[in-house]
Amino acid sequence: MAEKKVILPVVQKENKAVLSHPGTGCGGCGSKSCKGGGMGIYPGSEKEVVYRNIFLYATMGLIIFITTYLIVHLLNLFT
C-alpha cells in the first residue's frame, strides 16, 4: 500500500527580498518595476517604436474623445 501513495507538491512561501530603496519601492534598474516603461516605451526602445506607441495612444484618445462627443450630442438631441 505504501507503493501506491501519491505525493502532492507543497506550496512554499518565498522569502521576499529587502528593497534597496524602501521609500520609493524601487529595487534598482534590474527589478521588475522598471521593465514596464511609460506608455509601453521601454528603456532602449528604437525611435520608430516610440513614435508608433505615441501615435497609437494619441489616436485612441482622439477616437474616445470624438465618440464621447457624438454620444453626448445624440443624447442632447433626444432630451
Protein backbone atom coordinates (compact mmCIF):
# COMPACT_ATOMS: atom_id res chain seq x y z
CA MET A 1 0.00 0.00 0.00
CA ALA A 2 2.91 2.36 0.59
CA GLU A 3 3.95 1.97 -3.06
CA LYS A 4 0.67 3.46 -4.34
CA LYS A 5 0.98 6.58 -2.20
CA VAL A 6 0.75 9.81 -4.21
CA ILE A 7 2.98 12.65 -3.04
CA LEU A 8 1.42 16.06 -3.54
CA PRO A 9 3.60 19.14 -4.06
CA VAL A 10 3.53 21.69 -1.26
CA VAL A 11 3.33 25.41 -1.84
CA GLN A 12 6.19 27.13 -0.09
CA LYS A 13 6.38 30.79 0.72
CA GLU A 14 9.22 32.63 -0.92
CA ASN A 15 11.31 34.96 1.20
CA LYS A 16 10.80 38.48 -0.05
CA ALA A 17 13.99 40.36 -0.74
CA VAL A 18 14.56 43.61 1.11
CA LEU A 19 14.19 46.56 -1.25
CA SER A 20 17.25 48.72 -1.69
CA HIS A 21 15.08 51.87 -1.67
CA PRO A 22 12.16 51.12 0.66
CA GLY A 23 10.72 54.65 0.46
CA THR A 24 10.18 54.55 -3.31
CA GLY A 25 9.60 50.83 -3.75
CA CYS A 26 12.31 50.68 -6.39
CA GLY A 27 14.65 47.74 -6.24
CA GLY A 28 17.11 49.17 -8.74
CA CYS A 29 17.32 49.02 -12.51
CA GLY A 30 17.21 45.23 -12.60
CA SER A 31 13.94 44.99 -10.70
CA LYS A 32 10.60 44.09 -12.25
CA SER A 33 9.18 47.55 -11.57
CA CYS A 34 11.49 49.24 -14.07
CA LYS A 35 10.81 46.92 -17.02
CA GLY A 36 7.42 48.39 -17.93
CA GLY A 37 8.25 51.88 -19.02
CA GLY A 38 5.70 54.61 -19.51
CA MET A 39 3.05 54.02 -22.18
CA GLY A 40 4.77 50.82 -23.31
CA ILE A 41 8.03 52.62 -24.07
CA TYR A 42 10.89 50.64 -22.63
CA PRO A 43 14.38 51.93 -21.89
CA GLY A 44 16.44 51.48 -25.04
CA SER A 45 13.46 51.40 -27.43
CA GLU A 46 14.02 52.42 -31.03
CA LYS A 47 12.64 55.74 -32.29
CA GLU A 48 10.13 54.01 -34.57
CA VAL A 49 8.68 52.03 -31.66
CA VAL A 50 8.40 55.15 -29.51
CA TYR A 51 6.73 57.15 -32.29
CA ARG A 52 4.36 54.26 -33.08
CA ASN A 53 3.30 53.93 -29.43
CA ILE A 54 2.74 57.67 -29.03
CA PHE A 55 0.77 57.79 -32.30
CA LEU A 56 -1.38 54.82 -31.24
CA TYR A 57 -2.19 56.35 -27.83
CA ALA A 58 -2.95 59.73 -29.40
CA THR A 59 -5.22 58.05 -31.97
CA MET A 60 -7.05 56.08 -29.27
CA GLY A 61 -7.52 59.26 -27.23
CA LEU A 62 -8.89 61.10 -30.26
CA ILE A 63 -11.31 58.25 -31.04
CA ILE A 64 -12.53 58.19 -27.43
CA PHE A 65 -12.97 61.97 -27.42
CA ILE A 66 -14.91 62.01 -30.72
CA THR A 67 -17.10 59.06 -29.67
CA THR A 68 -17.90 60.70 -26.34
CA TYR A 69 -18.77 63.97 -28.08
CA LEU A 70 -21.08 62.21 -30.53
CA ILE A 71 -22.84 60.25 -27.78
CA VAL A 72 -23.39 63.41 -25.71
CA HIS A 73 -24.63 65.27 -28.80
CA LEU A 74 -27.07 62.46 -29.65
CA LEU A 75 -28.33 62.31 -26.06
CA ASN A 76 -28.92 66.06 -26.08
CA LEU A 77 -30.97 65.76 -29.29
CA PHE A 78 -33.33 63.27 -27.66
CA THR A 79 -33.80 65.19 -24.41
